[in-house]
Amino acid sequence: MNITYRTNKLKKEAEDLKVLFKAYGTSAKQINMRLADLKAASNLEVIGKIPGARCHQLSGKNYKGYLAVNITGSRRLIFKPNHDPFPTKEAGGLDWSQVTEITIEELCYDYH
């Protein structure tokens, strides 16, 4: 999957393991593994099949149109499809099999 980042700072953290460890400590290894999963996947549907990732769509006014994957118990990687318009199924809803580009928006603790 093609991955871009919302900010240059986030890109640097994600692409430099030393910077990632400095920013996220013990979670850095899991973040790096999940980013590798995303990069290796041909589309979002593949990520949805990884049990530990728990890829899911978000709702609410702050996160409508975004998705998240689990990193650790309470840490999430939040992203959105980088398609305009978003690929949708005939019956409605996001067509995960057509999402091949994403933008990483943030790494955060539980957003609930």
PDB file of N, CA and C in Angstrom:
ATOM      1  N   MET A   1       0.845  -1.166   0.000  1.00  0.00           N
ATOM      2  CA  MET A   1       0.000   0.000   0.000  1.00  0.00           C
ATOM      3  C   MET A   1       0.897   1.238   0.000  1.00  0.00           C
ATOM      4  N   ASN A   2       0.454   2.268  -0.669  1.00  0.00           N
ATOM      5  CA  ASN A   2       1.193   3.527  -0.705  1.00  0.00           C
ATOM      6  C   ASN A   2       0.816   4.341   0.531  1.00  0.00           C
ATOM      7  N   ILE A   3       1.821   4.789   1.276  1.00  0.00           N
ATOM      8  CA  ILE A   3       1.572   5.513   2.523  1.00  0.00           C
ATOM      9  C   ILE A   3       2.184   6.904   2.462  1.00  0.00           C
ATOM     10  N   THR A   4       1.379   7.901   2.822  1.00  0.00           N
ATOM     11  CA  THR A   4       1.869   9.266   3.011  1.00  0.00           C
ATOM     12  C   THR A   4       1.559   9.652   4.459  1.00  0.00           C
ATOM     13  N   TYR A   5       2.085  10.786   4.876  1.00  0.00           N
ATOM     14  CA  TYR A   5       1.931  11.224   6.266  1.00  0.00           C
ATOM     15  C   TYR A   5       1.390  12.640   6.303  1.00  0.00           C
ATOM     16  N   ARG A   6       0.579  12.916   7.319  1.00  0.00           N
ATOM     17  CA  ARG A   6      -0.027  14.242   7.454  1.00  0.00           C
ATOM     18  C   ARG A   6       1.035  15.317   7.630  1.00  0.00           C
ATOM     19  N   THR A   7       2.096  15.021   8.376  1.00  0.00           N
ATOM     20  CA  THR A   7       3.151  16.008   8.611  1.00  0.00           C
ATOM     21  C   THR A   7       4.525  15.386   8.344  1.00  0.00           C
ATOM     22  N   ASN A   8       5.490  16.225   8.087  1.00  0.00           N
ATOM     23  CA  ASN A   8       6.868  15.762   7.910  1.00  0.00           C
ATOM     24  C   ASN A   8       7.415  15.176   9.203  1.00  0.00           C
ATOM     25  N   LYS A   9       7.021  15.738  10.346  1.00  0.00           N
ATOM     26  CA  LYS A   9       7.478  15.226  11.641  1.00  0.00           C
ATOM     27  C   LYS A   9       7.009  13.784  11.823  1.00  0.00           C
ATOM     28  N   LEU A  10       5.756  13.527  11.520  1.00  0.00           N
ATOM     29  CA  LEU A  10       5.203  12.179  11.639  1.00  0.00           C
ATOM     30  C   LEU A  10       5.907  11.217  10.682  1.00  0.00           C
ATOM     31  N   LYS A  11       6.207  11.677   9.483  1.00  0.00           N
ATOM     32  CA  LYS A  11       6.922  10.860   8.505  1.00  0.00           C
ATOM     33  C   LYS A  11       8.307  10.496   9.022  1.00  0.00           C
ATOM     34  N   LYS A  12       9.009  11.471   9.573  1.00  0.00           N
ATOM     35  CA  LYS A  12      10.360  11.224  10.090  1.00  0.00           C
ATOM     36  C   LYS A  12      10.316  10.222  11.251  1.00  0.00           C
ATOM     37  N   GLU A  13       9.330  10.391  12.143  1.00  0.00           N
ATOM     38  CA  GLU A  13       9.198   9.453  13.260  1.00  0.00           C
ATOM     39  C   GLU A  13       8.939   8.034  12.750  1.00  0.00           C
ATOM     40  N   ALA A  14       8.083   7.914  11.756  1.00  0.00           N
ATOM     41  CA  ALA A  14       7.694   6.598  11.253  1.00  0.00           C
ATOM     42  C   ALA A  14       8.795   5.926  10.446  1.00  0.00           C
ATOM     43  N   GLU A  15       9.610   6.691   9.766  1.00  0.00           N
ATOM     44  CA  GLU A  15      10.594   6.112   8.858  1.00  0.00           C
ATOM     45  C   GLU A  15      11.995   5.987   9.440  1.00  0.00           C
ATOM     46  N   ASP A  16      12.222   6.532  10.618  1.00  0.00           N
ATOM     47  CA  ASP A  16      13.536   6.446  11.262  1.00  0.00           C
ATOM     48  C   ASP A  16      13.349   5.750  12.604  1.00  0.00           C
ATOM     49  N   LEU A  17      13.798   4.508  12.700  1.00  0.00           N
ATOM     50  CA  LEU A  17      13.566   3.709  13.899  1.00  0.00           C
ATOM     51  C   LEU A  17      14.128   4.359  15.160  1.00  0.00           C
ATOM     52  N   LYS A  18      15.263   5.023  15.048  1.00  0.00           N
ATOM     53  CA  LYS A  18      15.860   5.691  16.204  1.00  0.00           C
ATOM     54  C   LYS A  18      14.952   6.824  16.698  1.00  0.00           C
ATOM     55  N   VAL A  19      14.423   7.607  15.778  1.00  0.00           N
ATOM     56  CA  VAL A  19      13.510   8.701  16.127  1.00  0.00           C
ATOM     57  C   VAL A  19      12.204   8.131  16.680  1.00  0.00           C
ATOM     58  N   LEU A  20      11.744   7.017  16.099  1.00  0.00           N
ATOM     59  CA  LEU A  20      10.520   6.364  16.559  1.00  0.00           C
ATOM     60  C   LEU A  20      10.663   5.908  18.008  1.00  0.00           C
ATOM     61  N   PHE A  21      11.808   5.287  18.345  1.00  0.00           N
ATOM     62  CA  PHE A  21      12.038   4.859  19.732  1.00  0.00           C
ATOM     63  C   PHE A  21      12.107   6.050  20.673  1.00  0.00           C
ATOM     64  N   LYS A  22      12.720   7.131  20.228  1.00  0.00           N
ATOM     65  CA  LYS A  22      12.824   8.318  21.076  1.00  0.00           C
ATOM     66  C   LYS A  22      11.430   8.911  21.342  1.00  0.00           C
ATOM     67  N   ALA A  23      10.574   8.909  20.329  1.00  0.00           N
ATOM     68  CA  ALA A  23       9.249   9.508  20.464  1.00  0.00           C
ATOM     69  C   ALA A  23       8.248   8.608  21.186  1.00  0.00           C
ATOM     70  N   TYR A  24       8.337   7.275  20.984  1.00  0.00           N
ATOM     71  CA  TYR A  24       7.293   6.381  21.487  1.00  0.00           C
ATOM     72  C   TYR A  24       7.781   5.274  22.408  1.00  0.00           C
ATOM     73  N   GLY A  25       9.065   5.263  22.710  1.00  0.00           N
ATOM     74  CA  GLY A  25       9.595   4.306  23.676  1.00  0.00           C
ATOM     75  C   GLY A  25       9.313   2.861  23.314  1.00  0.00           C
ATOM     76  N   THR A  26       8.806   2.119  24.293  1.00  0.00           N
ATOM     77  CA  THR A  26       8.609   0.685  24.120  1.00  0.00           C
ATOM     78  C   THR A  26       7.555   0.336  23.063  1.00  0.00           C
ATOM     79  N   SER A  27       6.710   1.263  22.688  1.00  0.00           N
ATOM     80  CA  SER A  27       5.705   1.009  21.652  1.00  0.00           C
ATOM     81  C   SER A  27       6.297   1.075  20.245  1.00  0.00           C
ATOM     82  N   ALA A  28       7.514   1.564  20.109  1.00  0.00           N
ATOM     83  CA  ALA A  28       8.124   1.780  18.794  1.00  0.00           C
ATOM     84  C   ALA A  28       8.202   0.497  17.974  1.00  0.00           C
ATOM     85  N   LYS A  29       8.540  -0.608  18.609  1.00  0.00           N
ATOM     86  CA  LYS A  29       8.662  -1.873  17.873  1.00  0.00           C
ATOM     87  C   LYS A  29       7.308  -2.274  17.281  1.00  0.00           C
ATOM     88  N   GLN A  30       6.253  -2.167  18.068  1.00  0.00           N
ATOM     89  CA  GLN A  30       4.916  -2.524  17.580  1.00  0.00           C
ATOM     90  C   GLN A  30       4.447  -1.564  16.492  1.00  0.00           C
ATOM     91  N   ILE A  31       4.757  -0.278  16.636  1.00  0.00           N
ATOM     92  CA  ILE A  31       4.401   0.711  15.605  1.00  0.00           C
ATOM     93  C   ILE A  31       5.108   0.372  14.306  1.00  0.00           C
ATOM     94  N   ASN A  32       6.393   0.077  14.408  1.00  0.00           N
ATOM     95  CA  ASN A  32       7.178  -0.271  13.229  1.00  0.00           C
ATOM     96  C   ASN A  32       6.620  -1.519  12.538  1.00  0.00           C
ATOM     97  N   MET A  33       6.214  -2.517  13.321  1.00  0.00           N
ATOM     98  CA  MET A  33       5.644  -3.735  12.751  1.00  0.00           C
ATOM     99  C   MET A  33       4.313  -3.456  12.047  1.00  0.00           C
ATOM    100  N   ARG A  34       3.474  -2.615  12.655  1.00  0.00           N
ATOM    101  CA  ARG A  34       2.180  -2.311  12.036  1.00  0.00           C
ATOM    102  C   ARG A  34       2.366  -1.494  10.758  1.00  0.00           C
ATOM    103  N   LEU A  35       3.319  -0.573  10.759  1.00  0.00           N
ATOM    104  CA  LEU A  35       3.619   0.178   9.535  1.00  0.00           C
ATOM    105  C   LEU A  35       4.118  -0.762   8.435  1.00  0.00           C
ATOM    106  N   ALA A  36       4.920  -1.750   8.811  1.00  0.00           N
ATOM    107  CA  ALA A  36       5.398  -2.734   7.835  1.00  0.00           C
ATOM    108  C   ALA A  36       4.222  -3.537   7.275  1.00  0.00           C
ATOM    109  N   ASP A  37       3.253  -3.887   8.132  1.00  0.00           N
ATOM    110  CA  ASP A  37       2.044  -4.583   7.672  1.00  0.00           C
ATOM    111  C   ASP A  37       1.308  -3.736   6.635  1.00  0.00           C
ATOM    112  N   LEU A  38       1.147  -2.451   6.933  1.00  0.00           N
ATOM    113  CA  LEU A  38       0.434  -1.553   6.022  1.00  0.00           C
ATOM    114  C   LEU A  38       1.169  -1.423   4.688  1.00  0.00           C
ATOM    115  N   LYS A  39       2.484  -1.268   4.737  1.00  0.00           N
ATOM    116  CA  LYS A  39       3.268  -1.119   3.506  1.00  0.00           C
ATOM    117  C   LYS A  39       3.225  -2.383   2.653  1.00  0.00           C
ATOM    118  N   ALA A  40       3.228  -3.541   3.291  1.00  0.00           N
ATOM    119  CA  ALA A  40       3.255  -4.812   2.566  1.00  0.00           C
ATOM    120  C   ALA A  40       1.900  -5.193   1.975  1.00  0.00           C
ATOM    121  N   ALA A  41       0.828  -4.659   2.523  1.00  0.00           N
ATOM    122  CA  ALA A  41      -0.516  -5.018   2.069  1.00  0.00           C
ATOM    123  C   ALA A  41      -0.805  -4.425   0.695  1.00  0.00           C
ATOM    124  N   SER A  42      -1.487  -5.182  -0.122  1.00  0.00           N
ATOM    125  CA  SER A  42      -1.871  -4.671  -1.442  1.00  0.00           C
ATOM    126  C   SER A  42      -3.065  -3.733  -1.347  1.00  0.00           C
ATOM    127  N   ASN A  43      -3.881  -3.916  -0.316  1.00  0.00           N
ATOM    128  CA  ASN A  43      -5.041  -3.046  -0.098  1.00  0.00           C
ATOM    129  C   ASN A  43      -5.485  -3.153   1.357  1.00  0.00           C
ATOM    130  N   LEU A  44      -6.424  -2.339   1.738  1.00  0.00           N
ATOM    131  CA  LEU A  44      -6.880  -2.279   3.130  1.00  0.00           C
ATOM    132  C   LEU A  44      -7.599  -3.544   3.573  1.00  0.00           C
ATOM    133  N   GLU A  45      -8.214  -4.248   2.661  1.00  0.00           N
ATOM    134  CA  GLU A  45      -8.911  -5.487   3.005  1.00  0.00           C
ATOM    135  C   GLU A  45      -7.943  -6.496   3.627  1.00  0.00           C
ATOM    136  N   VAL A  46      -6.701  -6.523   3.161  1.00  0.00           N
ATOM    137  CA  VAL A  46      -5.679  -7.416   3.710  1.00  0.00           C
ATOM    138  C   VAL A  46      -5.435  -7.080   5.180  1.00  0.00           C
ATOM    139  N   ILE A  47      -5.345  -5.818   5.505  1.00  0.00           N
ATOM    140  CA  ILE A  47      -5.119  -5.384   6.891  1.00  0.00           C
ATOM    141  C   ILE A  47      -6.298  -5.777   7.766  1.00  0.00           C
ATOM    142  N   GLY A  48      -7.498  -5.700   7.222  1.00  0.00           N
ATOM    143  CA  GLY A  48      -8.695  -6.074   7.969  1.00  0.00           C
ATOM    144  C   GLY A  48      -8.712  -7.532   8.382  1.00  0.00           C
ATOM    145  N   LYS A  49      -7.901  -8.361   7.748  1.00  0.00           N
ATOM    146  CA  LYS A  49      -7.847  -9.790   8.059  1.00  0.00           C
ATOM    147  C   LYS A  49      -6.766 -10.143   9.072  1.00  0.00           C
ATOM    148  N   ILE A  50      -5.956  -9.175   9.484  1.00  0.00           N
ATOM    149  CA  ILE A  50      -4.929  -9.422  10.500  1.00  0.00           C
ATOM    150  C   ILE A  50      -5.594  -9.254  11.862  1.00  0.00           C
ATOM    151  N   PRO A  51      -5.780 -10.342  12.615  1.00  0.00           N
ATOM    152  CA  PRO A  51      -6.540 -10.264  13.873  1.00  0.00           C
ATOM    153  C   PRO A  51      -6.028  -9.216  14.871  1.00  0.00           C
ATOM    154  N   GLY A  52      -4.741  -9.148  15.075  1.00  0.00           N
ATOM    155  CA  GLY A  52      -4.195  -8.203  16.049  1.00  0.00           C
ATOM    156  C   GLY A  52      -4.325  -6.750  15.638  1.00  0.00           C
ATOM    157  N   ALA A  53      -4.482  -6.506  14.347  1.00  0.00           N
ATOM    158  CA  ALA A  53      -4.584  -5.121  13.864  1.00  0.00           C
ATOM    159  C   ALA A  53      -5.935  -4.507  14.211  1.00  0.00           C
ATOM    160  N   ARG A  54      -6.962  -5.317  14.209  1.00  0.00           N
ATOM    161  CA  ARG A  54      -8.325  -4.847  14.486  1.00  0.00           C
ATOM    162  C   ARG A  54      -8.637  -3.562  13.708  1.00  0.00           C
ATOM    163  N   CYS A  55      -8.415  -3.587  12.424  1.00  0.00           N
ATOM    164  CA  CYS A  55      -8.686  -2.423  11.581  1.00  0.00           C
ATOM    165  C   CYS A  55     -10.182  -2.117  11.634  1.00  0.00           C
ATOM    166  N   HIS A  56     -10.502  -0.860  11.899  1.00  0.00           N
ATOM    167  CA  HIS A  56     -11.909  -0.486  12.023  1.00  0.00           C
ATOM    168  C   HIS A  56     -12.122   0.971  11.626  1.00  0.00           C
ATOM    169  N   GLN A  57     -13.328   1.241  11.134  1.00  0.00           N
ATOM    170  CA  GLN A  57     -13.698   2.602  10.778  1.00  0.00           C
ATOM    171  C   GLN A  57     -14.083   3.345  12.039  1.00  0.00           C
ATOM    172  N   LEU A  58     -13.788   4.626  12.061  1.00  0.00           N
ATOM    173  CA  LEU A  58     -14.105   5.467  13.203  1.00  0.00           C
ATOM    174  C   LEU A  58     -15.357   6.287  12.902  1.00  0.00           C
ATOM    175  N   SER A  59     -15.979   6.753  13.955  1.00  0.00           N
ATOM    176  CA  SER A  59     -17.163   7.596  13.788  1.00  0.00           C
ATOM    177  C   SER A  59     -17.031   8.797  14.713  1.00  0.00           C
ATOM    178  N   GLY A  60     -18.051   9.602  14.743  1.00  0.00           N
ATOM    179  CA  GLY A  60     -17.997  10.810  15.558  1.00  0.00           C
ATOM    180  C   GLY A  60     -17.509  11.976  14.728  1.00  0.00           C
ATOM    181  N   LYS A  61     -17.810  13.167  15.186  1.00  0.00           N
ATOM    182  CA  LYS A  61     -17.499  14.352  14.372  1.00  0.00           C
ATOM    183  C   LYS A  61     -15.999  14.563  14.157  1.00  0.00           C
ATOM    184  N   ASN A  62     -15.168  14.154  15.090  1.00  0.00           N
ATOM    185  CA  ASN A  62     -13.725  14.366  14.945  1.00  0.00           C
ATOM    186  C   ASN A  62     -13.040  13.334  14.060  1.00  0.00           C
ATOM    187  N   TYR A  63     -13.629  12.151  13.911  1.00  0.00           N
ATOM    188  CA  TYR A  63     -12.962  11.073  13.197  1.00  0.00           C
ATOM    189  C   TYR A  63     -13.787  10.459  12.069  1.00  0.00           C
ATOM    190  N   LYS A  64     -14.815  11.112  11.614  1.00  0.00           N
ATOM    191  CA  LYS A  64     -15.631  10.582  10.527  1.00  0.00           C
ATOM    192  C   LYS A  64     -14.778  10.467   9.254  1.00  0.00           C
ATOM    193  N   GLY A  65     -14.811   9.298   8.620  1.00  0.00           N
ATOM    194  CA  GLY A  65     -14.015   9.051   7.422  1.00  0.00           C
ATOM    195  C   GLY A  65     -12.631   8.496   7.701  1.00  0.00           C
ATOM    196  N   TYR A  66     -12.284   8.350   8.977  1.00  0.00           N
ATOM    197  CA  TYR A  66     -10.973   7.835   9.362  1.00  0.00           C
ATOM    198  C   TYR A  66     -11.086   6.367   9.752  1.00  0.00           C
ATOM    199  N   LEU A  67      -9.948   5.695   9.745  1.00  0.00           N
ATOM    200  CA  LEU A  67      -9.848   4.322  10.204  1.00  0.00           C
ATOM    201  C   LEU A  67      -8.709   4.237  11.201  1.00  0.00           C
ATOM    202  N   ALA A  68      -8.657   3.124  11.927  1.00  0.00           N
ATOM    203  CA  ALA A  68      -7.589   2.930  12.901  1.00  0.00           C
ATOM    204  C   ALA A  68      -7.193   1.469  12.954  1.00  0.00           C
ATOM    205  N   VAL A  69      -5.949   1.237  13.343  1.00  0.00           N
ATOM    206  CA  VAL A  69      -5.465  -0.106  13.648  1.00  0.00           C
ATOM    207  C   VAL A  69      -4.846  -0.059  15.038  1.00  0.00           C
ATOM    208  N   ASN A  70      -4.935  -1.177  15.735  1.00  0.00           N
ATOM    209  CA  ASN A  70      -4.343  -1.267  17.059  1.00  0.00           C
ATOM    210  C   ASN A  70      -2.832  -1.410  16.957  1.00  0.00           C
ATOM    211  N   ILE A  71      -2.161  -0.755  17.887  1.00  0.00           N
ATOM    212  CA  ILE A  71      -0.710  -0.905  18.022  1.00  0.00           C
ATOM    213  C   ILE A  71      -0.435  -1.700  19.297  1.00  0.00           C
ATOM    214  N   THR A  72      -0.882  -1.176  20.419  1.00  0.00           N
ATOM    215  CA  THR A  72      -0.798  -1.857  21.710  1.00  0.00           C
ATOM    216  C   THR A  72      -2.182  -1.767  22.332  1.00  0.00           C
ATOM    217  N   GLY A  73      -2.309  -2.147  23.587  1.00  0.00           N
ATOM    218  CA  GLY A  73      -3.601  -2.140  24.247  1.00  0.00           C
ATOM    219  C   GLY A  73      -4.390  -0.855  24.076  1.00  0.00           C
ATOM    220  N   SER A  74      -3.752   0.290  24.204  1.00  0.00           N
ATOM    221  CA  SER A  74      -4.483   1.551  24.104  1.00  0.00           C
ATOM    222  C   SER A  74      -3.942   2.498  23.036  1.00  0.00           C
ATOM    223  N   ARG A  75      -2.911   2.119  22.342  1.00  0.00           N
ATOM    224  CA  ARG A  75      -2.342   2.982  21.301  1.00  0.00           C
ATOM    225  C   ARG A  75      -2.905   2.579  19.944  1.00  0.00           C
ATOM    226  N   ARG A  76      -3.270   3.600  19.152  1.00  0.00           N
ATOM    227  CA  ARG A  76      -3.846   3.388  17.829  1.00  0.00           C
ATOM    228  C   ARG A  76      -3.107   4.206  16.783  1.00  0.00           C
ATOM    229  N   LEU A  77      -3.069   3.679  15.563  1.00  0.00           N
ATOM    230  CA  LEU A  77      -2.551   4.401  14.417  1.00  0.00           C
ATOM    231  C   LEU A  77      -3.789   4.805  13.605  1.00  0.00           C
ATOM    232  N   ILE A  78      -3.977   6.102  13.429  1.00  0.00           N
ATOM    233  CA  ILE A  78      -5.160   6.617  12.750  1.00  0.00           C
ATOM    234  C   ILE A  78      -4.775   7.082  11.352  1.00  0.00           C
ATOM    235  N   PHE A  79      -5.591   6.702  10.371  1.00  0.00           N
ATOM    236  CA  PHE A  79      -5.313   7.055   8.984  1.00  0.00           C
ATOM    237  C   PHE A  79      -6.609   7.234   8.216  1.00  0.00           C
ATOM    238  N   LYS A  80      -6.473   7.750   7.003  1.00  0.00           N
ATOM    239  CA  LYS A  80      -7.641   7.877   6.138  1.00  0.00           C
ATOM    240  C   LYS A  80      -7.237   7.452   4.730  1.00  0.00           C
ATOM    241  N   PRO A  81      -8.200   6.957   3.970  1.00  0.00           N
ATOM    242  CA  PRO A  81      -7.901   6.610   2.578  1.00  0.00           C
ATOM    243  C   PRO A  81      -7.465   7.865   1.826  1.00  0.00           C
ATOM    244  N   ASN A  82      -6.472   7.701   0.987  1.00  0.00           N
ATOM    245  CA  ASN A  82      -5.964   8.823   0.205  1.00  0.00           C
ATOM    246  C   ASN A  82      -6.481   8.695  -1.229  1.00  0.00           C
ATOM    247  N   HIS A  83      -7.803   8.697  -1.335  1.00  0.00           N
ATOM    248  CA  HIS A  83      -8.488   8.588  -2.620  1.00  0.00           C
ATOM    249  C   HIS A  83      -9.542   9.691  -2.687  1.00  0.00           C
ATOM    250  N   ASP A  84      -9.722  10.265  -3.845  1.00  0.00           N
ATOM    251  CA  ASP A  84     -10.752  11.292  -4.012  1.00  0.00           C
ATOM    252  C   ASP A  84     -11.528  10.995  -5.286  1.00  0.00           C
ATOM    253  N   PRO A  85     -12.729  10.520  -5.187  1.00  0.00           N
ATOM    254  CA  PRO A  85     -13.513  10.242  -3.980  1.00  0.00           C
ATOM    255  C   PRO A  85     -13.116   8.899  -3.375  1.00  0.00           C
ATOM    256  N   PHE A  86     -13.564   8.671  -2.133  1.00  0.00           N
ATOM    257  CA  PHE A  86     -13.319   7.396  -1.479  1.00  0.00           C
ATOM    258  C   PHE A  86     -13.994   6.293  -2.296  1.00  0.00           C
ATOM    259  N   PRO A  87     -13.342   5.150  -2.474  1.00  0.00           N
ATOM    260  CA  PRO A  87     -13.991   4.037  -3.183  1.00  0.00           C
ATOM    261  C   PRO A  87     -15.117   3.460  -2.324  1.00  0.00           C
ATOM    262  N   THR A  88     -16.278   3.325  -2.916  1.00  0.00           N
ATOM    263  CA  THR A  88     -17.436   2.819  -2.162  1.00  0.00           C
ATOM    264  C   THR A  88     -18.023   1.592  -2.849  1.00  0.00           C
ATOM    265  N   LYS A  89     -18.706   0.790  -2.055  1.00  0.00           N
ATOM    266  CA  LYS A  89     -19.432  -0.367  -2.579  1.00  0.00           C
ATOM    267  C   LYS A  89     -20.743   0.113  -3.172  1.00  0.00           C
ATOM    268  N   GLU A  90     -21.331  -0.708  -4.035  1.00  0.00           N
ATOM    269  CA  GLU A  90     -22.617  -0.349  -4.631  1.00  0.00           C
ATOM    270  C   GLU A  90     -23.674  -0.117  -3.568  1.00  0.00           C
ATOM    271  N   ALA A  91     -23.660  -0.941  -2.525  1.00  0.00           N
ATOM    272  CA  ALA A  91     -24.657  -0.833  -1.455  1.00  0.00           C
ATOM    273  C   ALA A  91     -24.306   0.277  -0.459  1.00  0.00           C
ATOM    274  N   GLY A  92     -23.181   0.950  -0.663  1.00  0.00           N
ATOM    275  CA  GLY A  92     -22.733   2.002   0.243  1.00  0.00           C
ATOM    276  C   GLY A  92     -21.622   1.503   1.155  1.00  0.00           C
ATOM    277  N   GLY A  93     -20.936   2.418   1.762  1.00  0.00           N
ATOM    278  CA  GLY A  93     -19.824   2.073   2.637  1.00  0.00           C
ATOM    279  C   GLY A  93     -18.509   1.995   1.887  1.00  0.00           C
ATOM    280  N   LEU A  94     -17.432   2.099   2.609  1.00  0.00           N
ATOM    281  CA  LEU A  94     -16.086   2.089   2.048  1.00  0.00           C
ATOM    282  C   LEU A  94     -15.746   0.703   1.492  1.00  0.00           C
ATOM    283  N   ASP A  95     -15.233   0.654   0.281  1.00  0.00           N
ATOM    284  CA  ASP A  95     -14.785  -0.597  -0.329  1.00  0.00           C
ATOM    285  C   ASP A  95     -13.319  -0.797   0.030  1.00  0.00           C
ATOM    286  N   TRP A  96     -13.071  -1.561   1.074  1.00  0.00           N
ATOM    287  CA  TRP A  96     -11.719  -1.759   1.587  1.00  0.00           C
ATOM    288  C   TRP A  96     -10.798  -2.369   0.548  1.00  0.00           C
ATOM    289  N   SER A  97     -11.343  -3.186  -0.348  1.00  0.00           N
ATOM    290  CA  SER A  97     -10.497  -3.848  -1.343  1.00  0.00           C
ATOM    291  C   SER A  97      -9.939  -2.869  -2.377  1.00  0.00           C
ATOM    292  N   GLN A  98     -10.527  -1.692  -2.471  1.00  0.00           N
ATOM    293  CA  GLN A  98     -10.073  -0.688  -3.438  1.00  0.00           C
ATOM    294  C   GLN A  98      -9.177   0.381  -2.820  1.00  0.00           C
ATOM    295  N   VAL A  99      -8.998   0.340  -1.498  1.00  0.00           N
ATOM    296  CA  VAL A  99      -8.144   1.324  -0.825  1.00  0.00           C
ATOM    297  C   VAL A  99      -6.699   0.845  -0.915  1.00  0.00           C
ATOM    298  N   THR A 100      -5.916   1.537  -1.735  1.00  0.00           N
ATOM    299  CA  THR A 100      -4.513   1.172  -1.951  1.00  0.00           C
ATOM    300  C   THR A 100      -3.548   2.280  -1.527  1.00  0.00           C
ATOM    301  N   GLU A 101      -4.106   3.404  -1.106  1.00  0.00           N
ATOM    302  CA  GLU A 101      -3.300   4.535  -0.646  1.00  0.00           C
ATOM    303  C   GLU A 101      -3.936   5.100   0.616  1.00  0.00           C
ATOM    304  N   ILE A 102      -3.088   5.376   1.607  1.00  0.00           N
ATOM    305  CA  ILE A 102      -3.585   5.960   2.853  1.00  0.00           C
ATOM    306  C   ILE A 102      -2.671   7.098   3.292  1.00  0.00           C
ATOM    307  N   THR A 103      -3.226   7.963   4.127  1.00  0.00           N
ATOM    308  CA  THR A 103      -2.450   9.013   4.783  1.00  0.00           C
ATOM    309  C   THR A 103      -2.516   8.759   6.279  1.00  0.00           C
ATOM    310  N   ILE A 104      -1.346   8.569   6.894  1.00  0.00           N
ATOM    311  CA  ILE A 104      -1.272   8.400   8.341  1.00  0.00           C
ATOM    312  C   ILE A 104      -1.511   9.770   8.956  1.00  0.00           C
ATOM    313  N   GLU A 105      -2.507   9.851   9.815  1.00  0.00           N
ATOM    314  CA  GLU A 105      -2.878  11.116  10.442  1.00  0.00           C
ATOM    315  C   GLU A 105      -2.238  11.309  11.810  1.00  0.00           C
ATOM    316  N   GLU A 106      -2.232  10.250  12.620  1.00  0.00           N
ATOM    317  CA  GLU A 106      -1.645  10.379  13.957  1.00  0.00           C
ATOM    318  C   GLU A 106      -1.470   9.034  14.628  1.00  0.00           C
ATOM    319  N   LEU A 107      -0.606   9.023  15.626  1.00  0.00           N
ATOM    320  CA  LEU A 107      -0.461   7.914  16.547  1.00  0.00           C
ATOM    321  C   LEU A 107      -0.954   8.441  17.882  1.00  0.00           C
ATOM    322  N   CYS A 108      -1.930   7.770  18.454  1.00  0.00           N
ATOM    323  CA  CYS A 108      -2.496   8.320  19.677  1.00  0.00           C
ATOM    324  C   CYS A 108      -2.859   7.205  20.650  1.00  0.00           C
ATOM    325  N   TYR A 109      -3.125   7.618  21.872  1.00  0.00           N
ATOM    326  CA  TYR A 109      -3.701   6.705  22.842  1.00  0.00           C
ATOM    327  C   TYR A 109      -5.181   6.664  22.573  1.00  0.00           C
ATOM    328  N   ASP A 110      -5.854   5.739  23.180  1.00  0.00           N
ATOM    329  CA  ASP A 110      -7.263   5.486  22.928  1.00  0.00           C
ATOM    330  C   ASP A 110      -8.047   6.784  22.759  1.00  0.00           C
ATOM    331  N   TYR A 111      -8.775   6.890  21.669  1.00  0.00           N
ATOM    332  CA  TYR A 111      -9.497   8.106  21.283  1.00  0.00           C
ATOM    333  C   TYR A 111     -10.911   8.130  21.836  1.00  0.00           C
ATOM    334  N   HIS A 112     -11.320   7.109  22.581  1.00  0.00           N
ATOM    335  CA  HIS A 112     -12.685   7.071  23.121  1.00  0.00           C
ATOM    336  C   HIS A 112     -12.859   8.031  24.269  1.00  0.00           C
TER     337      HIS A 112
END
